[in-house]
N, C-alpha and C. Protein backbone atom coordinates (compact mmCIF):
# COMPACT_ATOMS: atom_id res chain seq x y z
N MET A 1 120.70 259.13 153.28
CA MET A 1 119.44 259.37 152.58
C MET A 1 118.60 260.38 153.35
N ILE A 2 118.52 260.22 154.65
CA ILE A 2 117.72 261.14 155.47
C ILE A 2 118.27 262.56 155.36
N SER A 3 119.56 262.70 155.43
CA SER A 3 120.18 264.02 155.29
C SER A 3 119.85 264.64 153.94
N TRP A 4 119.94 263.84 152.89
CA TRP A 4 119.64 264.34 151.54
C TRP A 4 118.19 264.78 151.45
N MET A 5 117.28 263.97 151.97
CA MET A 5 115.86 264.30 151.88
C MET A 5 115.54 265.58 152.66
N ARG A 6 116.16 265.73 153.82
CA ARG A 6 115.95 266.97 154.59
C ARG A 6 116.50 268.17 153.83
N SER A 7 117.70 268.05 153.30
CA SER A 7 118.33 269.19 152.61
C SER A 7 117.61 269.57 151.32
N HIS A 8 116.85 268.65 150.75
CA HIS A 8 116.12 268.93 149.51
C HIS A 8 114.64 269.22 149.75
N GLY A 9 114.24 269.31 151.01
CA GLY A 9 112.87 269.67 151.33
C GLY A 9 111.83 268.65 150.90
N VAL A 10 112.19 267.38 150.94
CA VAL A 10 111.24 266.34 150.55
C VAL A 10 110.11 266.30 151.59
N PRO A 11 108.85 266.41 151.15
CA PRO A 11 107.74 266.42 152.09
C PRO A 11 107.66 265.12 152.89
N LYS A 12 107.35 265.23 154.16
CA LYS A 12 107.19 264.05 155.02
C LYS A 12 106.05 263.20 154.49
N GLY A 13 106.18 261.89 154.69
CA GLY A 13 105.12 260.96 154.32
C GLY A 13 105.24 260.34 152.94
N VAL A 14 106.12 260.88 152.09
CA VAL A 14 106.25 260.31 150.74
C VAL A 14 107.25 259.15 150.76
N CYS A 15 107.27 258.40 149.68
CA CYS A 15 108.16 257.24 149.58
C CYS A 15 109.51 257.58 149.00
N VAL A 16 110.53 256.91 149.52
CA VAL A 16 111.85 256.89 148.91
C VAL A 16 112.03 255.46 148.40
N ALA A 17 112.59 255.32 147.22
CA ALA A 17 112.77 253.99 146.65
C ALA A 17 114.17 253.46 146.96
N LEU A 18 114.22 252.24 147.41
CA LEU A 18 115.47 251.53 147.66
C LEU A 18 115.61 250.50 146.56
N ASP A 19 116.64 250.64 145.72
CA ASP A 19 116.84 249.77 144.56
C ASP A 19 117.56 248.50 144.97
N TYR A 20 116.83 247.40 145.02
CA TYR A 20 117.40 246.12 145.42
C TYR A 20 117.71 245.22 144.22
N GLU A 21 117.16 245.53 143.06
CA GLU A 21 117.31 244.68 141.87
C GLU A 21 116.98 243.22 142.22
N LYS A 22 118.01 242.37 142.40
CA LYS A 22 117.76 240.95 142.71
C LYS A 22 118.22 240.58 144.12
N ARG A 23 118.45 241.58 144.95
CA ARG A 23 118.95 241.36 146.30
C ARG A 23 117.83 240.88 147.24
N VAL A 24 118.17 239.97 148.11
CA VAL A 24 117.30 239.56 149.20
C VAL A 24 118.11 239.77 150.48
N ASP A 25 117.70 240.74 151.29
CA ASP A 25 118.42 241.09 152.51
C ASP A 25 117.46 241.77 153.48
N GLY A 26 116.70 240.94 154.18
CA GLY A 26 115.68 241.43 155.10
C GLY A 26 116.22 242.29 156.22
N ALA A 27 117.39 241.92 156.76
CA ALA A 27 117.94 242.67 157.89
C ALA A 27 118.26 244.11 157.48
N TYR A 28 118.92 244.28 156.34
CA TYR A 28 119.26 245.64 155.88
C TYR A 28 117.99 246.43 155.58
N LEU A 29 117.03 245.80 154.89
CA LEU A 29 115.79 246.48 154.52
C LEU A 29 115.02 246.92 155.76
N ARG A 30 114.93 246.06 156.78
CA ARG A 30 114.22 246.43 158.01
C ARG A 30 114.90 247.60 158.71
N ALA A 31 116.23 247.59 158.77
CA ALA A 31 116.97 248.69 159.42
C ALA A 31 116.81 250.00 158.64
N PHE A 32 116.93 249.93 157.32
CA PHE A 32 116.79 251.11 156.48
C PHE A 32 115.38 251.68 156.61
N ASP A 33 114.38 250.80 156.54
CA ASP A 33 112.99 251.21 156.64
C ASP A 33 112.71 251.86 158.00
N ALA A 34 113.20 251.27 159.06
CA ALA A 34 112.97 251.82 160.41
C ALA A 34 113.54 253.24 160.54
N ALA A 35 114.74 253.45 160.01
CA ALA A 35 115.37 254.78 160.10
C ALA A 35 114.59 255.80 159.27
N ILE A 36 114.18 255.42 158.08
CA ILE A 36 113.43 256.33 157.21
C ILE A 36 112.06 256.66 157.82
N VAL A 37 111.38 255.66 158.34
CA VAL A 37 110.06 255.87 158.96
C VAL A 37 110.19 256.77 160.18
N GLN A 38 111.21 256.55 160.99
CA GLN A 38 111.41 257.39 162.18
C GLN A 38 111.64 258.85 161.78
N ALA A 39 112.25 259.07 160.64
CA ALA A 39 112.51 260.43 160.16
C ALA A 39 111.28 261.05 159.48
N GLY A 40 110.23 260.22 159.22
CA GLY A 40 108.99 260.77 158.69
C GLY A 40 108.62 260.39 157.28
N TRP A 41 109.37 259.50 156.65
CA TRP A 41 109.06 259.09 155.28
C TRP A 41 108.75 257.60 155.24
N LYS A 42 108.57 257.06 154.04
CA LYS A 42 108.31 255.64 153.83
C LYS A 42 109.31 255.09 152.84
N VAL A 43 109.46 253.77 152.84
CA VAL A 43 110.39 253.09 151.92
C VAL A 43 109.59 252.18 151.01
N MET A 44 109.90 252.27 149.72
CA MET A 44 109.38 251.36 148.72
C MET A 44 110.59 250.63 148.14
N VAL A 45 110.61 249.31 148.23
CA VAL A 45 111.76 248.56 147.74
C VAL A 45 111.48 248.10 146.31
N TYR A 46 112.44 248.41 145.40
CA TYR A 46 112.32 248.07 144.00
C TYR A 46 113.17 246.85 143.68
N GLY A 47 112.64 245.97 142.82
CA GLY A 47 113.43 244.85 142.35
C GLY A 47 112.63 243.92 141.46
N SER A 48 113.33 242.94 140.92
CA SER A 48 112.71 241.94 140.06
C SER A 48 111.68 241.13 140.85
N GLU A 49 110.58 240.83 140.20
CA GLU A 49 109.51 240.07 140.86
C GLU A 49 110.04 238.76 141.46
N SER A 50 110.97 238.13 140.77
CA SER A 50 111.48 236.83 141.22
C SER A 50 112.20 236.89 142.56
N THR A 51 112.64 238.09 142.97
CA THR A 51 113.38 238.18 144.24
C THR A 51 112.82 239.21 145.23
N VAL A 52 112.33 240.34 144.75
CA VAL A 52 111.97 241.42 145.66
C VAL A 52 110.89 241.01 146.66
N LEU A 53 109.97 240.16 146.24
CA LEU A 53 108.90 239.74 147.14
C LEU A 53 109.38 238.78 148.23
N ASN A 54 110.64 238.33 148.14
CA ASN A 54 111.22 237.48 149.18
C ASN A 54 111.79 238.32 150.32
N ASN A 55 111.72 239.64 150.20
CA ASN A 55 112.14 240.55 151.26
C ASN A 55 110.92 240.93 152.09
N PRO A 56 111.13 241.33 153.35
CA PRO A 56 109.99 241.80 154.13
C PRO A 56 109.39 243.05 153.49
N LYS A 57 108.09 243.20 153.59
CA LYS A 57 107.41 244.34 152.97
C LYS A 57 107.72 245.61 153.78
N PRO A 58 108.32 246.61 153.13
CA PRO A 58 108.63 247.85 153.84
C PRO A 58 107.40 248.75 153.96
N SER A 59 107.56 249.85 154.65
CA SER A 59 106.46 250.77 154.95
C SER A 59 105.73 251.29 153.72
N GLY A 60 106.45 251.49 152.61
CA GLY A 60 105.84 252.00 151.38
C GLY A 60 105.46 250.92 150.39
N GLY A 61 105.80 249.67 150.69
CA GLY A 61 105.43 248.56 149.82
C GLY A 61 106.51 248.18 148.82
N TYR A 62 106.14 247.28 147.94
CA TYR A 62 107.04 246.77 146.90
C TYR A 62 106.85 247.53 145.60
N TRP A 63 107.98 247.70 144.88
CA TRP A 63 107.94 248.21 143.51
C TRP A 63 108.48 247.07 142.67
N VAL A 64 107.57 246.32 142.06
CA VAL A 64 107.88 245.08 141.38
C VAL A 64 108.19 245.33 139.90
N ALA A 65 109.30 244.76 139.44
CA ALA A 65 109.63 244.80 138.02
C ALA A 65 109.13 243.50 137.39
N HIS A 66 108.15 243.63 136.51
CA HIS A 66 107.58 242.48 135.81
C HIS A 66 107.19 242.97 134.42
N TRP A 67 108.04 242.71 133.45
CA TRP A 67 107.88 243.26 132.11
C TRP A 67 106.92 242.44 131.27
N THR A 68 105.66 242.83 131.30
CA THR A 68 104.64 242.18 130.47
C THR A 68 104.46 242.91 129.14
N GLY A 69 104.90 244.17 129.10
CA GLY A 69 104.68 244.99 127.91
C GLY A 69 103.32 245.67 127.91
N ASN A 70 102.50 245.39 128.91
CA ASN A 70 101.19 246.02 129.05
C ASN A 70 101.05 246.62 130.45
N PRO A 71 100.48 247.81 130.56
CA PRO A 71 100.34 248.43 131.88
C PRO A 71 99.49 247.58 132.82
N PHE A 72 100.01 247.31 134.00
CA PHE A 72 99.25 246.62 135.04
C PHE A 72 99.90 246.89 136.38
N LEU A 73 99.15 246.67 137.43
CA LEU A 73 99.66 246.83 138.78
C LEU A 73 99.67 245.46 139.44
N HIS A 74 100.86 244.96 139.75
CA HIS A 74 101.01 243.67 140.40
C HIS A 74 100.21 243.68 141.71
N SER A 75 99.52 242.61 142.00
CA SER A 75 98.63 242.58 143.17
C SER A 75 99.36 242.82 144.49
N ALA A 76 100.64 242.52 144.57
CA ALA A 76 101.38 242.69 145.82
C ALA A 76 102.17 244.01 145.87
N SER A 77 101.97 244.88 144.88
CA SER A 77 102.88 246.03 144.80
C SER A 77 102.21 247.39 144.92
N ALA A 78 103.03 248.36 145.33
CA ALA A 78 102.64 249.76 145.36
C ALA A 78 102.92 250.39 143.99
N ALA A 79 103.80 249.75 143.24
CA ALA A 79 104.15 250.20 141.89
C ALA A 79 104.65 248.99 141.10
N THR A 80 104.44 249.04 139.80
CA THR A 80 104.90 247.95 138.94
C THR A 80 105.59 248.53 137.71
N GLN A 81 106.81 248.07 137.48
CA GLN A 81 107.51 248.40 136.23
C GLN A 81 107.11 247.32 135.23
N TRP A 82 106.29 247.72 134.23
CA TRP A 82 105.74 246.74 133.30
C TRP A 82 106.48 246.68 131.97
N ALA A 83 107.39 247.62 131.73
CA ALA A 83 108.21 247.59 130.51
C ALA A 83 109.49 248.36 130.78
N GLY A 84 110.55 247.96 130.10
CA GLY A 84 111.84 248.62 130.28
C GLY A 84 112.30 249.36 129.05
N ASP A 85 113.37 250.08 129.20
CA ASP A 85 113.92 250.87 128.09
C ASP A 85 114.20 250.01 126.86
N VAL A 86 114.69 248.83 127.11
CA VAL A 86 115.02 247.92 126.00
C VAL A 86 113.76 247.51 125.24
N THR A 87 112.71 247.13 125.98
CA THR A 87 111.48 246.69 125.32
C THR A 87 110.72 247.86 124.69
N LEU A 88 110.86 249.04 125.28
CA LEU A 88 110.18 250.23 124.74
C LEU A 88 110.95 250.89 123.61
N GLY A 89 112.26 250.64 123.54
CA GLY A 89 113.10 251.33 122.58
C GLY A 89 113.24 252.81 122.92
N LYS A 90 113.15 253.12 124.20
CA LYS A 90 113.22 254.51 124.70
C LYS A 90 114.24 254.57 125.83
N PRO A 91 114.65 255.77 126.20
CA PRO A 91 115.61 255.89 127.31
C PRO A 91 114.94 255.94 128.68
N TRP A 92 113.80 255.26 128.87
CA TRP A 92 113.13 255.22 130.16
C TRP A 92 112.37 253.90 130.29
N ASP A 93 111.94 253.63 131.52
CA ASP A 93 111.13 252.45 131.82
C ASP A 93 109.68 252.91 132.02
N ALA A 94 108.74 251.99 131.86
CA ALA A 94 107.33 252.31 132.07
C ALA A 94 106.85 251.67 133.36
N ASN A 95 106.20 252.46 134.19
CA ASN A 95 105.73 252.01 135.49
C ASN A 95 104.29 252.44 135.71
N LEU A 96 103.58 251.67 136.52
CA LEU A 96 102.26 252.05 136.97
C LEU A 96 102.33 252.09 138.49
N VAL A 97 101.87 253.20 139.07
CA VAL A 97 101.95 253.40 140.51
C VAL A 97 100.53 253.48 141.07
N ALA A 98 100.29 252.76 142.16
CA ALA A 98 98.98 252.79 142.80
C ALA A 98 98.65 254.21 143.26
N ASP A 99 97.40 254.59 143.15
CA ASP A 99 96.97 255.92 143.59
C ASP A 99 97.29 256.16 145.06
N SER A 100 97.31 255.10 145.84
CA SER A 100 97.56 255.22 147.28
C SER A 100 99.04 255.36 147.64
N THR A 101 99.93 255.25 146.67
CA THR A 101 101.36 255.35 146.94
C THR A 101 101.77 256.82 146.97
N PRO A 102 102.23 257.30 148.13
CA PRO A 102 102.58 258.73 148.21
C PRO A 102 103.94 259.03 147.59
N LEU A 103 103.93 259.84 146.53
CA LEU A 103 105.17 260.22 145.85
C LEU A 103 105.39 261.72 145.99
N TRP A 104 106.61 262.13 145.82
CA TRP A 104 106.98 263.54 145.88
C TRP A 104 106.80 264.14 144.50
N ASP A 105 105.94 265.14 144.39
CA ASP A 105 105.72 265.83 143.13
C ASP A 105 106.77 266.93 143.01
N THR A 106 107.86 266.63 142.35
CA THR A 106 108.96 267.60 142.22
C THR A 106 108.67 268.66 141.17
N THR A 107 107.62 268.46 140.37
CA THR A 107 107.32 269.44 139.33
C THR A 107 106.42 270.55 139.83
N GLY A 108 105.76 270.33 140.98
CA GLY A 108 104.79 271.29 141.45
C GLY A 108 103.57 271.30 140.55
N GLY A 109 103.39 270.25 139.80
CA GLY A 109 102.33 270.19 138.80
C GLY A 109 100.97 269.87 139.39
N LEU A 110 100.05 269.57 138.51
CA LEU A 110 98.68 269.30 138.90
C LEU A 110 98.57 267.94 139.57
N SER A 111 97.77 267.89 140.65
CA SER A 111 97.51 266.63 141.31
C SER A 111 96.33 265.94 140.62
N ILE A 112 96.09 264.70 141.00
CA ILE A 112 94.94 263.97 140.47
C ILE A 112 93.65 264.73 140.81
N ALA A 113 93.56 265.25 142.03
CA ALA A 113 92.37 266.02 142.43
C ALA A 113 92.22 267.26 141.56
N ASP A 114 93.33 267.93 141.24
CA ASP A 114 93.28 269.11 140.37
C ASP A 114 92.76 268.73 138.99
N VAL A 115 93.28 267.64 138.44
CA VAL A 115 92.85 267.20 137.12
C VAL A 115 91.37 266.84 137.15
N ASP A 116 90.92 266.14 138.21
CA ASP A 116 89.50 265.80 138.33
C ASP A 116 88.64 267.05 138.35
N ALA A 117 89.07 268.06 139.10
CA ALA A 117 88.30 269.32 139.18
C ALA A 117 88.23 269.99 137.81
N ILE A 118 89.33 269.98 137.09
CA ILE A 118 89.36 270.59 135.76
C ILE A 118 88.44 269.83 134.81
N LEU A 119 88.53 268.49 134.83
CA LEU A 119 87.69 267.70 133.93
C LEU A 119 86.21 267.87 134.26
N LYS A 120 85.86 267.97 135.56
CA LYS A 120 84.47 268.22 135.92
C LYS A 120 84.02 269.58 135.40
N ARG A 121 84.88 270.58 135.51
CA ARG A 121 84.55 271.91 134.99
C ARG A 121 84.37 271.87 133.47
N LEU A 122 85.25 271.15 132.80
CA LEU A 122 85.13 271.03 131.36
C LEU A 122 83.84 270.32 130.97
N GLU A 123 83.46 269.30 131.72
CA GLU A 123 82.23 268.56 131.43
C GLU A 123 81.02 269.47 131.62
N VAL A 124 81.02 270.28 132.67
CA VAL A 124 79.93 271.24 132.89
C VAL A 124 79.84 272.19 131.71
N LEU A 125 80.98 272.67 131.25
CA LEU A 125 80.97 273.58 130.11
C LEU A 125 80.47 272.89 128.85
N ARG A 126 80.88 271.62 128.67
CA ARG A 126 80.51 270.89 127.46
C ARG A 126 79.01 270.63 127.41
N VAL A 127 78.43 270.25 128.52
CA VAL A 127 77.01 269.90 128.51
C VAL A 127 76.13 271.08 128.94
N GLY A 128 76.72 272.24 129.10
CA GLY A 128 75.97 273.42 129.51
C GLY A 128 74.93 273.82 128.48
N ASP A 129 74.25 274.91 128.76
CA ASP A 129 73.14 275.32 127.91
C ASP A 129 73.57 276.26 126.79
N ARG A 130 74.83 276.26 126.44
CA ARG A 130 75.31 277.13 125.37
C ARG A 130 74.89 276.57 124.02
N PRO A 131 74.50 277.43 123.11
CA PRO A 131 74.13 276.95 121.77
C PRO A 131 75.29 276.23 121.10
N GLY A 132 75.03 275.05 120.60
CA GLY A 132 76.04 274.30 119.87
C GLY A 132 77.17 273.79 120.74
N GLY A 133 76.97 273.78 122.07
CA GLY A 133 78.01 273.31 122.97
C GLY A 133 79.27 274.13 122.92
N GLN A 134 79.14 275.43 122.68
CA GLN A 134 80.31 276.29 122.52
C GLN A 134 80.92 276.69 123.86
N PHE A 135 82.22 276.77 123.88
CA PHE A 135 82.93 277.40 124.98
C PHE A 135 83.01 278.88 124.63
N ASP A 136 82.87 279.74 125.60
CA ASP A 136 83.08 281.15 125.28
C ASP A 136 84.39 281.61 125.91
N THR A 137 84.79 282.82 125.57
CA THR A 137 86.08 283.35 126.03
C THR A 137 86.16 283.36 127.55
N HIS A 138 85.06 283.67 128.20
CA HIS A 138 85.05 283.69 129.67
C HIS A 138 85.36 282.30 130.24
N ASP A 139 84.74 281.25 129.66
CA ASP A 139 85.01 279.89 130.13
C ASP A 139 86.47 279.52 129.97
N PHE A 140 87.01 279.83 128.80
CA PHE A 140 88.41 279.48 128.54
C PHE A 140 89.34 280.22 129.49
N ALA A 141 89.06 281.50 129.72
CA ALA A 141 89.89 282.29 130.64
C ALA A 141 89.79 281.74 132.06
N SER A 142 88.60 281.28 132.47
CA SER A 142 88.47 280.76 133.83
C SER A 142 89.24 279.45 133.98
N LEU A 143 89.27 278.63 132.94
CA LEU A 143 90.06 277.40 133.00
C LEU A 143 91.55 277.72 133.05
N GLU A 144 91.98 278.66 132.24
CA GLU A 144 93.38 279.05 132.25
C GLU A 144 93.75 279.62 133.61
N GLY A 145 92.87 280.42 134.17
CA GLY A 145 93.10 280.99 135.50
C GLY A 145 93.19 279.92 136.57
N LEU A 146 92.37 278.88 136.45
CA LEU A 146 92.42 277.77 137.39
C LEU A 146 93.78 277.11 137.33
N GLY A 147 94.31 276.92 136.12
CA GLY A 147 95.64 276.33 135.97
C GLY A 147 96.70 277.20 136.61
N MET A 148 96.61 278.50 136.45
CA MET A 148 97.61 279.39 137.04
C MET A 148 97.49 279.39 138.56
N LYS A 149 96.28 279.28 139.06
CA LYS A 149 96.09 279.26 140.51
C LYS A 149 96.69 277.99 141.11
N LEU A 150 96.48 276.86 140.41
CA LEU A 150 96.99 275.59 140.91
C LEU A 150 98.50 275.52 140.82
N ASN A 151 99.04 276.00 139.73
CA ASN A 151 100.49 275.96 139.55
C ASN A 151 100.84 276.90 138.42
N ASP A 152 101.52 277.95 138.73
CA ASP A 152 101.81 278.98 137.74
C ASP A 152 103.01 278.60 136.88
N THR A 153 102.87 277.49 136.16
CA THR A 153 103.94 277.09 135.25
C THR A 153 103.38 277.00 133.84
N GLN A 154 104.20 277.28 132.89
CA GLN A 154 103.78 277.26 131.50
C GLN A 154 103.34 275.86 131.07
N ASP A 155 103.98 274.82 131.62
CA ASP A 155 103.60 273.46 131.25
C ASP A 155 102.16 273.16 131.61
N ASP A 156 101.72 273.59 132.82
CA ASP A 156 100.35 273.34 133.23
C ASP A 156 99.36 274.13 132.39
N ILE A 157 99.71 275.37 132.07
CA ILE A 157 98.83 276.19 131.26
C ILE A 157 98.71 275.59 129.86
N THR A 158 99.82 275.13 129.32
CA THR A 158 99.81 274.48 128.01
C THR A 158 98.96 273.22 128.06
N TRP A 159 99.11 272.44 129.14
CA TRP A 159 98.31 271.23 129.31
C TRP A 159 96.83 271.55 129.36
N LEU A 160 96.46 272.58 130.11
CA LEU A 160 95.05 272.98 130.21
C LEU A 160 94.49 273.35 128.83
N LYS A 161 95.25 274.13 128.10
CA LYS A 161 94.79 274.52 126.77
C LYS A 161 94.61 273.30 125.88
N ALA A 162 95.54 272.37 125.95
CA ALA A 162 95.44 271.15 125.15
C ALA A 162 94.23 270.33 125.57
N ALA A 163 93.95 270.25 126.87
CA ALA A 163 92.79 269.50 127.37
C ALA A 163 91.50 270.12 126.85
N VAL A 164 91.42 271.43 126.92
CA VAL A 164 90.22 272.13 126.43
C VAL A 164 90.05 271.86 124.94
N LYS A 165 91.12 271.97 124.17
CA LYS A 165 91.04 271.74 122.72
C LYS A 165 90.64 270.30 122.41
N ALA A 166 91.15 269.34 123.17
CA ALA A 166 90.82 267.94 122.93
C ALA A 166 89.35 267.68 123.20
N ILE A 167 88.83 268.22 124.28
CA ILE A 167 87.41 268.02 124.58
C ILE A 167 86.56 268.73 123.55
N ALA A 168 86.96 269.92 123.17
CA ALA A 168 86.21 270.65 122.14
C ALA A 168 86.17 269.84 120.84
N ALA A 169 87.30 269.24 120.46
CA ALA A 169 87.35 268.46 119.22
C ALA A 169 86.44 267.24 119.31
N ARG A 170 86.42 266.57 120.47
CA ARG A 170 85.57 265.39 120.64
C ARG A 170 84.10 265.73 120.66
N THR A 171 83.77 266.91 121.16
CA THR A 171 82.36 267.26 121.34
C THR A 171 81.81 268.16 120.25
N GLY A 172 82.68 268.64 119.39
CA GLY A 172 82.23 269.55 118.34
C GLY A 172 82.06 270.97 118.80
N ALA A 173 82.50 271.29 120.01
CA ALA A 173 82.40 272.66 120.53
C ALA A 173 83.42 273.54 119.83
N THR A 174 83.15 274.83 119.79
CA THR A 174 84.11 275.76 119.20
C THR A 174 84.78 276.55 120.30
N LEU A 175 86.00 276.97 120.03
CA LEU A 175 86.80 277.73 121.00
C LEU A 175 87.13 279.11 120.43
N PRO A 176 87.33 280.07 121.33
CA PRO A 176 87.84 281.35 120.86
C PRO A 176 89.29 281.18 120.40
N PRO A 177 89.81 282.05 119.57
CA PRO A 177 91.21 281.92 119.15
C PRO A 177 92.14 282.11 120.33
N ASP A 178 93.33 281.49 120.26
CA ASP A 178 94.33 281.63 121.34
C ASP A 178 94.72 283.09 121.51
């Protein structure tokens, strides 16, 4: 695992997940965690609530599977899987991860801080002194530019445009044409 993380440029300090499912094996978990921590990362152990909490808590915490069908964060966990592919009827599981859990952003996308900055900028524009709460072309271009500065990917730019349009629709503001 350490070799793989180094070869893929995984940033130090983020969590690697160890899939335990229903396994209880404190000795292996402690040894794995110690090696990963010494190399600069953290371990989050994943498994069913009925068993995973019977293991010692690793450096990155527990990732508890507890399918309630509603998003929640288990009080003892760094992440909670609250629904599975079967219950969702989708080819993925649904999880909620604590803000304090360090994950590797492989998309290079916007961070929570980036999104907060964008939303604050949008709020300033929305409540600004423009007649009718209008966004002007300069405002829209500055938001798009912010997205490109943060991450020059089409997905982020598309997301920014969608965010601006959604706020405009909620507030009755008008936008320049795309």
